[in-house]
mmCIF file of all heavy atoms, coordinates in Angstrom:
data_MODEL
# 
_entry.id   MODEL 
# 
loop_
_atom_site.group_PDB 
_atom_site.id 
_atom_site.type_symbol 
_atom_site.label_atom_id 
_atom_site.label_alt_id 
_atom_site.label_comp_id 
_atom_site.label_asym_id 
_atom_site.label_entity_id 
_atom_site.label_seq_id 
_atom_site.pdbx_PDB_ins_code 
_atom_site.Cartn_x 
_atom_site.Cartn_y 
_atom_site.Cartn_z 
_atom_site.occupancy 
_atom_site.B_iso_or_equiv 
_atom_site.pdbx_formal_charge 
_atom_site.auth_seq_id 
_atom_site.auth_comp_id 
_atom_site.auth_asym_id 
_atom_site.auth_atom_id 
_atom_site.pdbx_PDB_model_num 
ATOM 1   N N   . LEU A 1 1  ? -1.617  -1.194  -68.530 1.00 0.00 ? 1  LEU A N   1 
ATOM 2   C CA  . LEU A 1 1  ? -2.607  -0.415  -69.272 1.00 0.00 ? 1  LEU A CA  1 
ATOM 3   C C   . LEU A 1 1  ? -2.452  1.071   -68.957 1.00 0.00 ? 1  LEU A C   1 
ATOM 4   O O   . LEU A 1 1  ? -2.520  1.918   -69.852 1.00 0.00 ? 1  LEU A O   1 
ATOM 5   C CB  . LEU A 1 1  ? -4.012  -0.898  -68.930 1.00 0.00 ? 1  LEU A CB  1 
ATOM 6   C CG  . LEU A 1 1  ? -5.167  -0.290  -69.713 1.00 0.00 ? 1  LEU A CG  1 
ATOM 7   C CD1 . LEU A 1 1  ? -5.026  -0.561  -71.212 1.00 0.00 ? 1  LEU A CD1 1 
ATOM 8   C CD2 . LEU A 1 1  ? -6.492  -0.832  -69.203 1.00 0.00 ? 1  LEU A CD2 1 
ATOM 9   N N   . VAL A 1 2  ? -2.186  1.385   -67.713 1.00 0.00 ? 2  VAL A N   1 
ATOM 10  C CA  . VAL A 1 2  ? -1.967  2.784   -67.319 1.00 0.00 ? 2  VAL A CA  1 
ATOM 11  C C   . VAL A 1 2  ? -0.756  3.356   -68.039 1.00 0.00 ? 2  VAL A C   1 
ATOM 12  O O   . VAL A 1 2  ? -0.768  4.494   -68.512 1.00 0.00 ? 2  VAL A O   1 
ATOM 13  C CB  . VAL A 1 2  ? -1.797  2.904   -65.791 1.00 0.00 ? 2  VAL A CB  1 
ATOM 14  C CG1 . VAL A 1 2  ? -1.406  4.317   -65.388 1.00 0.00 ? 2  VAL A CG1 1 
ATOM 15  C CG2 . VAL A 1 2  ? -3.072  2.478   -65.076 1.00 0.00 ? 2  VAL A CG2 1 
ATOM 16  N N   . ARG A 1 3  ? 0.306   2.548   -68.161 1.00 0.00 ? 3  ARG A N   1 
ATOM 17  C CA  . ARG A 1 3  ? 1.542   3.029   -68.797 1.00 0.00 ? 3  ARG A CA  1 
ATOM 18  C C   . ARG A 1 3  ? 1.365   3.355   -70.272 1.00 0.00 ? 3  ARG A C   1 
ATOM 19  O O   . ARG A 1 3  ? 2.139   4.126   -70.832 1.00 0.00 ? 3  ARG A O   1 
ATOM 20  C CB  . ARG A 1 3  ? 2.666   2.017   -68.600 1.00 0.00 ? 3  ARG A CB  1 
ATOM 21  C CG  . ARG A 1 3  ? 3.262   2.055   -67.212 1.00 0.00 ? 3  ARG A CG  1 
ATOM 22  C CD  . ARG A 1 3  ? 4.549   1.251   -67.111 1.00 0.00 ? 3  ARG A CD  1 
ATOM 23  N NE  . ARG A 1 3  ? 4.350   -0.166  -67.302 1.00 0.00 ? 3  ARG A NE  1 
ATOM 24  C CZ  . ARG A 1 3  ? 4.041   -1.024  -66.342 1.00 0.00 ? 3  ARG A CZ  1 
ATOM 25  N NH1 . ARG A 1 3  ? 3.865   -0.608  -65.114 1.00 0.00 ? 3  ARG A NH1 1 
ATOM 26  N NH2 . ARG A 1 3  ? 3.901   -2.300  -66.607 1.00 0.00 ? 3  ARG A NH2 1 
ATOM 27  N N   . LEU A 1 4  ? 0.341   2.800   -70.907 1.00 0.00 ? 4  LEU A N   1 
ATOM 28  C CA  . LEU A 1 4  ? 0.085   3.165   -72.306 1.00 0.00 ? 4  LEU A CA  1 
ATOM 29  C C   . LEU A 1 4  ? -0.194  4.660   -72.432 1.00 0.00 ? 4  LEU A C   1 
ATOM 30  O O   . LEU A 1 4  ? 0.195   5.288   -73.405 1.00 0.00 ? 4  LEU A O   1 
ATOM 31  C CB  . LEU A 1 4  ? -1.108  2.390   -72.871 1.00 0.00 ? 4  LEU A CB  1 
ATOM 32  C CG  . LEU A 1 4  ? -0.875  0.977   -73.335 1.00 0.00 ? 4  LEU A CG  1 
ATOM 33  C CD1 . LEU A 1 4  ? -2.194  0.355   -73.764 1.00 0.00 ? 4  LEU A CD1 1 
ATOM 34  C CD2 . LEU A 1 4  ? 0.125   0.921   -74.459 1.00 0.00 ? 4  LEU A CD2 1 
ATOM 35  N N   . GLY A 1 5  ? -0.904  5.206   -71.451 1.00 0.00 ? 5  GLY A N   1 
ATOM 36  C CA  . GLY A 1 5  ? -1.182  6.631   -71.446 1.00 0.00 ? 5  GLY A CA  1 
ATOM 37  C C   . GLY A 1 5  ? -2.192  7.076   -72.503 1.00 0.00 ? 5  GLY A C   1 
ATOM 38  O O   . GLY A 1 5  ? -2.286  8.258   -72.816 1.00 0.00 ? 5  GLY A O   1 
ATOM 39  N N   . ARG A 1 6  ? -2.922  6.136   -73.063 1.00 0.00 ? 6  ARG A N   1 
ATOM 40  C CA  . ARG A 1 6  ? -3.924  6.435   -74.095 1.00 0.00 ? 6  ARG A CA  1 
ATOM 41  C C   . ARG A 1 6  ? -4.874  5.246   -74.165 1.00 0.00 ? 6  ARG A C   1 
ATOM 42  O O   . ARG A 1 6  ? -4.671  4.246   -73.493 1.00 0.00 ? 6  ARG A O   1 
ATOM 43  C CB  . ARG A 1 6  ? -3.259  6.642   -75.457 1.00 0.00 ? 6  ARG A CB  1 
ATOM 44  C CG  . ARG A 1 6  ? -2.462  5.415   -75.909 1.00 0.00 ? 6  ARG A CG  1 
ATOM 45  C CD  . ARG A 1 6  ? -1.988  5.483   -77.340 1.00 0.00 ? 6  ARG A CD  1 
ATOM 46  N NE  . ARG A 1 6  ? -1.065  4.432   -77.651 1.00 0.00 ? 6  ARG A NE  1 
ATOM 47  C CZ  . ARG A 1 6  ? -1.369  3.153   -77.818 1.00 0.00 ? 6  ARG A CZ  1 
ATOM 48  N NH1 . ARG A 1 6  ? -2.621  2.754   -77.690 1.00 0.00 ? 6  ARG A NH1 1 
ATOM 49  N NH2 . ARG A 1 6  ? -0.442  2.263   -78.108 1.00 0.00 ? 6  ARG A NH2 1 
ATOM 50  N N   . ARG A 1 7  ? -5.892  5.379   -75.012 1.00 0.00 ? 7  ARG A N   1 
ATOM 51  C CA  . ARG A 1 7  ? -6.814  4.255   -75.190 1.00 0.00 ? 7  ARG A CA  1 
ATOM 52  C C   . ARG A 1 7  ? -6.058  3.058   -75.779 1.00 0.00 ? 7  ARG A C   1 
ATOM 53  O O   . ARG A 1 7  ? -5.307  3.201   -76.734 1.00 0.00 ? 7  ARG A O   1 
ATOM 54  C CB  . ARG A 1 7  ? -7.949  4.628   -76.130 1.00 0.00 ? 7  ARG A CB  1 
ATOM 55  C CG  . ARG A 1 7  ? -8.931  5.592   -75.535 1.00 0.00 ? 7  ARG A CG  1 
ATOM 56  C CD  . ARG A 1 7  ? -10.186 5.655   -76.405 1.00 0.00 ? 7  ARG A CD  1 
ATOM 57  N NE  . ARG A 1 7  ? -11.025 6.762   -76.000 1.00 0.00 ? 7  ARG A NE  1 
ATOM 58  C CZ  . ARG A 1 7  ? -11.841 6.733   -74.948 1.00 0.00 ? 7  ARG A CZ  1 
ATOM 59  N NH1 . ARG A 1 7  ? -11.908 5.657   -74.207 1.00 0.00 ? 7  ARG A NH1 1 
ATOM 60  N NH2 . ARG A 1 7  ? -12.567 7.784   -74.640 1.00 0.00 ? 7  ARG A NH2 1 
ATOM 61  N N   . ALA A 1 8  ? -6.293  1.906   -75.215 1.00 0.00 ? 8  ALA A N   1 
ATOM 62  C CA  . ALA A 1 8  ? -5.693  0.682   -75.730 1.00 0.00 ? 8  ALA A CA  1 
ATOM 63  C C   . ALA A 1 8  ? -6.454  0.226   -76.967 1.00 0.00 ? 8  ALA A C   1 
ATOM 64  O O   . ALA A 1 8  ? -7.643  0.496   -77.117 1.00 0.00 ? 8  ALA A O   1 
ATOM 65  C CB  . ALA A 1 8  ? -5.745  -0.411  -74.672 1.00 0.00 ? 8  ALA A CB  1 
ATOM 66  N N   . THR A 1 9  ? -5.767  -0.460  -77.847 1.00 0.00 ? 9  THR A N   1 
ATOM 67  C CA  . THR A 1 9  ? -6.438  -1.093  -78.983 1.00 0.00 ? 9  THR A CA  1 
ATOM 68  C C   . THR A 1 9  ? -6.907  -2.478  -78.535 1.00 0.00 ? 9  THR A C   1 
ATOM 69  O O   . THR A 1 9  ? -6.460  -3.004  -77.504 1.00 0.00 ? 9  THR A O   1 
ATOM 70  C CB  . THR A 1 9  ? -5.488  -1.251  -80.181 1.00 0.00 ? 9  THR A CB  1 
ATOM 71  O OG1 . THR A 1 9  ? -4.437  -2.165  -79.810 1.00 0.00 ? 9  THR A OG1 1 
ATOM 72  C CG2 . THR A 1 9  ? -4.892  0.089   -80.608 1.00 0.00 ? 9  THR A CG2 1 
ATOM 73  N N   . VAL A 1 10 ? -7.762  -3.072  -79.308 1.00 0.00 ? 10 VAL A N   1 
ATOM 74  C CA  . VAL A 1 10 ? -8.218  -4.425  -79.011 1.00 0.00 ? 10 VAL A CA  1 
ATOM 75  C C   . VAL A 1 10 ? -7.028  -5.388  -79.011 1.00 0.00 ? 10 VAL A C   1 
ATOM 76  O O   . VAL A 1 10 ? -6.932  -6.282  -78.165 1.00 0.00 ? 10 VAL A O   1 
ATOM 77  C CB  . VAL A 1 10 ? -9.295  -4.868  -80.029 1.00 0.00 ? 10 VAL A CB  1 
ATOM 78  C CG1 . VAL A 1 10 ? -9.660  -6.326  -79.849 1.00 0.00 ? 10 VAL A CG1 1 
ATOM 79  C CG2 . VAL A 1 10 ? -10.529 -3.990  -79.903 1.00 0.00 ? 10 VAL A CG2 1 
ATOM 80  N N   . GLN A 1 11 ? -6.097  -5.183  -79.935 1.00 0.00 ? 11 GLN A N   1 
ATOM 81  C CA  . GLN A 1 11 ? -4.911  -6.044  -80.014 1.00 0.00 ? 11 GLN A CA  1 
ATOM 82  C C   . GLN A 1 11 ? -4.038  -5.887  -78.763 1.00 0.00 ? 11 GLN A C   1 
ATOM 83  O O   . GLN A 1 11 ? -3.485  -6.870  -78.268 1.00 0.00 ? 11 GLN A O   1 
ATOM 84  C CB  . GLN A 1 11 ? -4.093  -5.722  -81.272 1.00 0.00 ? 11 GLN A CB  1 
ATOM 85  C CG  . GLN A 1 11 ? -4.777  -6.084  -82.566 1.00 0.00 ? 11 GLN A CG  1 
ATOM 86  C CD  . GLN A 1 11 ? -5.794  -5.024  -83.024 1.00 0.00 ? 11 GLN A CD  1 
ATOM 87  O OE1 . GLN A 1 11 ? -5.906  -3.942  -82.460 1.00 0.00 ? 11 GLN A OE1 1 
ATOM 88  N NE2 . GLN A 1 11 ? -6.570  -5.360  -84.042 1.00 0.00 ? 11 GLN A NE2 1 
ATOM 89  N N   . GLU A 1 12 ? -3.924  -4.677  -78.247 1.00 0.00 ? 12 GLU A N   1 
ATOM 90  C CA  . GLU A 1 12 ? -3.127  -4.467  -77.035 1.00 0.00 ? 12 GLU A CA  1 
ATOM 91  C C   . GLU A 1 12 ? -3.787  -5.126  -75.828 1.00 0.00 ? 12 GLU A C   1 
ATOM 92  O O   . GLU A 1 12 ? -3.094  -5.719  -74.987 1.00 0.00 ? 12 GLU A O   1 
ATOM 93  C CB  . GLU A 1 12 ? -2.923  -2.971  -76.795 1.00 0.00 ? 12 GLU A CB  1 
ATOM 94  C CG  . GLU A 1 12 ? -1.952  -2.367  -77.797 1.00 0.00 ? 12 GLU A CG  1 
ATOM 95  C CD  . GLU A 1 12 ? -1.954  -0.853  -77.823 1.00 0.00 ? 12 GLU A CD  1 
ATOM 96  O OE1 . GLU A 1 12 ? -2.989  -0.224  -77.482 1.00 0.00 ? 12 GLU A OE1 1 
ATOM 97  O OE2 . GLU A 1 12 ? -0.910  -0.285  -78.207 1.00 0.00 ? 12 GLU A OE2 1 
ATOM 98  N N   . LEU A 1 13 ? -5.108  -5.055  -75.751 1.00 0.00 ? 13 LEU A N   1 
ATOM 99  C CA  . LEU A 1 13 ? -5.792  -5.763  -74.674 1.00 0.00 ? 13 LEU A CA  1 
ATOM 100 C C   . LEU A 1 13 ? -5.567  -7.267  -74.796 1.00 0.00 ? 13 LEU A C   1 
ATOM 101 O O   . LEU A 1 13 ? -5.388  -7.959  -73.792 1.00 0.00 ? 13 LEU A O   1 
ATOM 102 C CB  . LEU A 1 13 ? -7.292  -5.454  -74.671 1.00 0.00 ? 13 LEU A CB  1 
ATOM 103 C CG  . LEU A 1 13 ? -7.702  -4.043  -74.267 1.00 0.00 ? 13 LEU A CG  1 
ATOM 104 C CD1 . LEU A 1 13 ? -9.214  -3.909  -74.302 1.00 0.00 ? 13 LEU A CD1 1 
ATOM 105 C CD2 . LEU A 1 13 ? -7.143  -3.652  -72.918 1.00 0.00 ? 13 LEU A CD2 1 
ATOM 106 N N   . GLY A 1 14 ? -5.557  -7.775  -76.020 1.00 0.00 ? 14 GLY A N   1 
ATOM 107 C CA  . GLY A 1 14 ? -5.263  -9.192  -76.239 1.00 0.00 ? 14 GLY A CA  1 
ATOM 108 C C   . GLY A 1 14 ? -3.868  -9.561  -75.778 1.00 0.00 ? 14 GLY A C   1 
ATOM 109 O O   . GLY A 1 14 ? -3.650  -10.621 -75.195 1.00 0.00 ? 14 GLY A O   1 
ATOM 110 N N   . ALA A 1 15 ? -2.907  -8.680  -76.032 1.00 0.00 ? 15 ALA A N   1 
ATOM 111 C CA  . ALA A 1 15 ? -1.528  -8.927  -75.596 1.00 0.00 ? 15 ALA A CA  1 
ATOM 112 C C   . ALA A 1 15 ? -1.437  -8.918  -74.069 1.00 0.00 ? 15 ALA A C   1 
ATOM 113 O O   . ALA A 1 15 ? -0.753  -9.767  -73.477 1.00 0.00 ? 15 ALA A O   1 
ATOM 114 C CB  . ALA A 1 15 ? -0.591  -7.880  -76.199 1.00 0.00 ? 15 ALA A CB  1 
ATOM 115 N N   . LEU A 1 16 ? -2.117  -7.984  -73.419 1.00 0.00 ? 16 LEU A N   1 
ATOM 116 C CA  . LEU A 1 16 ? -2.117  -7.955  -71.955 1.00 0.00 ? 16 LEU A CA  1 
ATOM 117 C C   . LEU A 1 16 ? -2.748  -9.221  -71.383 1.00 0.00 ? 16 LEU A C   1 
ATOM 118 O O   . LEU A 1 16 ? -2.263  -9.772  -70.398 1.00 0.00 ? 16 LEU A O   1 
ATOM 119 C CB  . LEU A 1 16 ? -2.858  -6.720  -71.444 1.00 0.00 ? 16 LEU A CB  1 
ATOM 120 C CG  . LEU A 1 16 ? -2.185  -5.376  -71.687 1.00 0.00 ? 16 LEU A CG  1 
ATOM 121 C CD1 . LEU A 1 16 ? -3.068  -4.241  -71.200 1.00 0.00 ? 16 LEU A CD1 1 
ATOM 122 C CD2 . LEU A 1 16 ? -0.821  -5.323  -71.015 1.00 0.00 ? 16 LEU A CD2 1 
ATOM 123 N N   . ASP A 1 17 ? -3.809  -9.694  -72.010 1.00 0.00 ? 17 ASP A N   1 
ATOM 124 C CA  . ASP A 1 17 ? -4.461  -10.928 -71.577 1.00 0.00 ? 17 ASP A CA  1 
ATOM 125 C C   . ASP A 1 17 ? -3.506  -12.113 -71.732 1.00 0.00 ? 17 ASP A C   1 
ATOM 126 O O   . ASP A 1 17 ? -3.378  -12.946 -70.835 1.00 0.00 ? 17 ASP A O   1 
ATOM 127 C CB  . ASP A 1 17 ? -5.740  -11.144 -72.385 1.00 0.00 ? 17 ASP A CB  1 
ATOM 128 C CG  . ASP A 1 17 ? -6.484  -12.412 -72.010 1.00 0.00 ? 17 ASP A CG  1 
ATOM 129 O OD1 . ASP A 1 17 ? -6.432  -12.828 -70.827 1.00 0.00 ? 17 ASP A OD1 1 
ATOM 130 O OD2 . ASP A 1 17 ? -7.133  -12.997 -72.897 1.00 0.00 ? 17 ASP A OD2 1 
ATOM 131 N N   . LEU A 1 18 ? -2.820  -12.179 -72.861 1.00 0.00 ? 18 LEU A N   1 
ATOM 132 C CA  . LEU A 1 18 ? -1.859  -13.264 -73.095 1.00 0.00 ? 18 LEU A CA  1 
ATOM 133 C C   . LEU A 1 18 ? -0.744  -13.245 -72.053 1.00 0.00 ? 18 LEU A C   1 
ATOM 134 O O   . LEU A 1 18 ? -0.378  -14.277 -71.494 1.00 0.00 ? 18 LEU A O   1 
ATOM 135 C CB  . LEU A 1 18 ? -1.265  -13.144 -74.509 1.00 0.00 ? 18 LEU A CB  1 
ATOM 136 C CG  . LEU A 1 18 ? -0.206  -14.171 -74.881 1.00 0.00 ? 18 LEU A CG  1 
ATOM 137 C CD1 . LEU A 1 18 ? -0.819  -15.568 -74.945 1.00 0.00 ? 18 LEU A CD1 1 
ATOM 138 C CD2 . LEU A 1 18 ? 0.433   -13.818 -76.199 1.00 0.00 ? 18 LEU A CD2 1 
ATOM 139 N N   . LEU A 1 19 ? -0.208  -12.060 -71.772 1.00 0.00 ? 19 LEU A N   1 
ATOM 140 C CA  . LEU A 1 19 ? 0.855   -11.953 -70.778 1.00 0.00 ? 19 LEU A CA  1 
ATOM 141 C C   . LEU A 1 19 ? 0.361   -12.337 -69.386 1.00 0.00 ? 19 LEU A C   1 
ATOM 142 O O   . LEU A 1 19 ? 1.062   -13.007 -68.635 1.00 0.00 ? 19 LEU A O   1 
ATOM 143 C CB  . LEU A 1 19 ? 1.433   -10.537 -70.769 1.00 0.00 ? 19 LEU A CB  1 
ATOM 144 C CG  . LEU A 1 19 ? 2.239   -10.163 -72.007 1.00 0.00 ? 19 LEU A CG  1 
ATOM 145 C CD1 . LEU A 1 19 ? 2.547   -8.667  -72.013 1.00 0.00 ? 19 LEU A CD1 1 
ATOM 146 C CD2 . LEU A 1 19 ? 3.524   -10.975 -72.084 1.00 0.00 ? 19 LEU A CD2 1 
ATOM 147 N N   . ALA A 1 20 ? -0.844  -11.927 -69.043 1.00 0.00 ? 20 ALA A N   1 
ATOM 148 C CA  . ALA A 1 20 ? -1.397  -12.268 -67.731 1.00 0.00 ? 20 ALA A CA  1 
ATOM 149 C C   . ALA A 1 20 ? -1.668  -13.767 -67.613 1.00 0.00 ? 20 ALA A C   1 
ATOM 150 O O   . ALA A 1 20 ? -1.582  -14.331 -66.525 1.00 0.00 ? 20 ALA A O   1 
ATOM 151 C CB  . ALA A 1 20 ? -2.675  -11.478 -67.479 1.00 0.00 ? 20 ALA A CB  1 
ATOM 152 N N   . SER A 1 21 ? -1.970  -14.406 -68.728 1.00 0.00 ? 21 SER A N   1 
ATOM 153 C CA  . SER A 1 21 ? -2.264  -15.840 -68.730 1.00 0.00 ? 21 SER A CA  1 
ATOM 154 C C   . SER A 1 21 ? -1.011  -16.700 -68.697 1.00 0.00 ? 21 SER A C   1 
ATOM 155 O O   . SER A 1 21 ? -1.089  -17.895 -68.414 1.00 0.00 ? 21 SER A O   1 
ATOM 156 C CB  . SER A 1 21 ? -3.057  -16.213 -69.989 1.00 0.00 ? 21 SER A CB  1 
ATOM 157 O OG  . SER A 1 21 ? -4.261  -15.518 -70.040 1.00 0.00 ? 21 SER A OG  1 
ATOM 158 N N   . ASN A 1 22 ? 0.136   -16.117 -69.000 1.00 0.00 ? 22 ASN A N   1 
ATOM 159 C CA  . ASN A 1 22 ? 1.395   -16.868 -69.093 1.00 0.00 ? 22 ASN A CA  1 
ATOM 160 C C   . ASN A 1 22 ? 2.492   -16.163 -68.304 1.00 0.00 ? 22 ASN A C   1 
ATOM 161 O O   . ASN A 1 22 ? 3.409   -15.590 -68.885 1.00 0.00 ? 22 ASN A O   1 
ATOM 162 C CB  . ASN A 1 22 ? 1.817   -17.000 -70.555 1.00 0.00 ? 22 ASN A CB  1 
ATOM 163 C CG  . ASN A 1 22 ? 0.807   -17.758 -71.360 1.00 0.00 ? 22 ASN A CG  1 
ATOM 164 O OD1 . ASN A 1 22 ? 0.654   -18.950 -71.187 1.00 0.00 ? 22 ASN A OD1 1 
ATOM 165 N ND2 . ASN A 1 22 ? 0.080   -17.064 -72.224 1.00 0.00 ? 22 ASN A ND2 1 
ATOM 166 N N   . PRO A 1 23 ? 2.438   -16.213 -66.972 1.00 0.00 ? 23 PRO A N   1 
ATOM 167 C CA  . PRO A 1 23 ? 3.452   -15.522 -66.177 1.00 0.00 ? 23 PRO A CA  1 
ATOM 168 C C   . PRO A 1 23 ? 4.845   -16.099 -66.413 1.00 0.00 ? 23 PRO A C   1 
ATOM 169 O O   . PRO A 1 23 ? 4.999   -17.290 -66.680 1.00 0.00 ? 23 PRO A O   1 
ATOM 170 C CB  . PRO A 1 23 ? 3.000   -15.732 -64.739 1.00 0.00 ? 23 PRO A CB  1 
ATOM 171 C CG  . PRO A 1 23 ? 2.060   -16.882 -64.782 1.00 0.00 ? 23 PRO A CG  1 
ATOM 172 C CD  . PRO A 1 23 ? 1.478   -16.921 -66.159 1.00 0.00 ? 23 PRO A CD  1 
ATOM 173 N N   . LEU A 1 24 ? 5.850   -15.246 -66.308 1.00 0.00 ? 24 LEU A N   1 
ATOM 174 C CA  . LEU A 1 24 ? 7.231   -15.641 -66.576 1.00 0.00 ? 24 LEU A CA  1 
ATOM 175 C C   . LEU A 1 24 ? 7.809   -16.505 -65.465 1.00 0.00 ? 24 LEU A C   1 
ATOM 176 O O   . LEU A 1 24 ? 8.633   -17.366 -65.708 1.00 0.00 ? 24 LEU A O   1 
ATOM 177 C CB  . LEU A 1 24 ? 8.093   -14.385 -66.782 1.00 0.00 ? 24 LEU A CB  1 
ATOM 178 C CG  . LEU A 1 24 ? 9.529   -14.575 -67.214 1.00 0.00 ? 24 LEU A CG  1 
ATOM 179 C CD1 . LEU A 1 24 ? 9.610   -15.421 -68.481 1.00 0.00 ? 24 LEU A CD1 1 
ATOM 180 C CD2 . LEU A 1 24 ? 10.191  -13.231 -67.441 1.00 0.00 ? 24 LEU A CD2 1 
# 
């Protein structure tokens, strides 16, 4: 989220949640 360097969109927060829920 910090690397975005701007306000996140709701969709970007959803993507971060998905990635956090499914570790590689």
